[in-house]
Amino acid sequence: MAELKLMKGNEAVAEAAVRAGADAYFGYPITPQSEILEYLMTEKAYERTGMVVLQAESELAAINMVYGAACTGKKVMTSSSSPGISLMQEGLSYLAGAELPCLIVNVVRAGPGLGAIQPSQADYFQSVKGGGHGDYRLLVLAPASVQEMSDFVPLGFDLALKYRNPVLILSDGLIGQMMEKVDLFEAKPRQMEIQENWTLSGRAGNRPKRTITSLDLDPVKMEKHNLHLQEKYKAMEANEVRYEALQCEDAEYIYVAYGASARICQKAVQLARAKGIKVGLLRPITLFPFPSLPLFNLADQVKGMLSVEMSAGQMVEDVRLAVNGKVKVEHYGRYGGMIHSPTEVLQALENKLINA
């Protein structure tokens, strides 16, 4: 049944996985996302639905367990934080190449290297540009609240199955660790019967042989497969763009921010409006596909855009590509786990765009 609870973002992801009818979770502990695995164990996910929950010996093992389970058509997922997701990149490329649906959660921490356990958004490039080897894309959802941490789990599974492609929920340590009220959706039963005609099921019914692989030594066939994948990514761009526009109707300046940075920008918009500065916020919800067209259209009305990120400037490149030189785009960021304040964000807008 539906339920209202006070939860951490990580806990909301785990509870949503159980309620969404996930068949299996394979993962490895790393701060600041370890509560996902811990919650699934302490809340006895297996006893509730039969969901398999397994702590793998490493992130490498976890992503390959996801690969194996996804081959059978099951709803499978994993989670980690930045260095752990880096270790999974080869497996993610294999999953995308083999067109296997799965859900990955990255609760981003500061880097580079081992970095720190405080929140960051410096995994944007890795997430939206593929991350691993080869021409592939993940469909990337960026939650800005604990509620969205819950809501994006069933959405992520649906999109993964729709496109036979891995889906990444790109969060950060702030949203993963913060507590908010969550309106939990009503639990769905696990779908025991496999409907997909591509899955491996042991030649049930003496059916023709099926092969799931990303390997083809014939370059002509491999190019054809790559072209098929690119058409699929174009379909995502045509059909799956999600964003939120706040007070953009009369805006003269626009903040562009996702996740935790977008929450901070909401307050910065209020501070700016109180000073008579007409500012709006465009929050990308899908980072791939990126909301390029809405930004392109807004560029006709505004004097400038500020990309606000907890990074040295990664999403700002996509913002500049989207507006195609129609308007000035600047970046403001904090690094290494530092979080900007609404006052700092407003000051950056004034310094970089209004008074520049």
Foldseek 3Di string as FASTA:
>chain_A
DKDKDKDALLLLLLVLCLQLQAQEEEEADDPPNNVSLVNCVVVVSCVVANRYRYYDPALCVRLVVVVVVQLQVGAYEYEDEDVSVLSCLVSQVWQQLLLGFYEYEYAYAFDDPPFDRFKFDACLCCQACRVHDDRAHAWEFEDAASQVSNVVNSVSSVVCVVLSHYHYYYAHNVRRGDIDMYGHDGGDHHDPDRDDPQHDDPCPPVDDDHDGGSDDPDVVVNVVSVVVRVVSLVVCLVPPWDKDKFQLPQAQEEEEEEHNQQVQQVVLCVVCVVVVHRYMYIYGRTSRVGPLQVLLVSLVRYAEYEYEGQHPDDCQVVSCVSVVPSHYYYYDHHHSNDDDHSVVVNVCCCVVGVVD
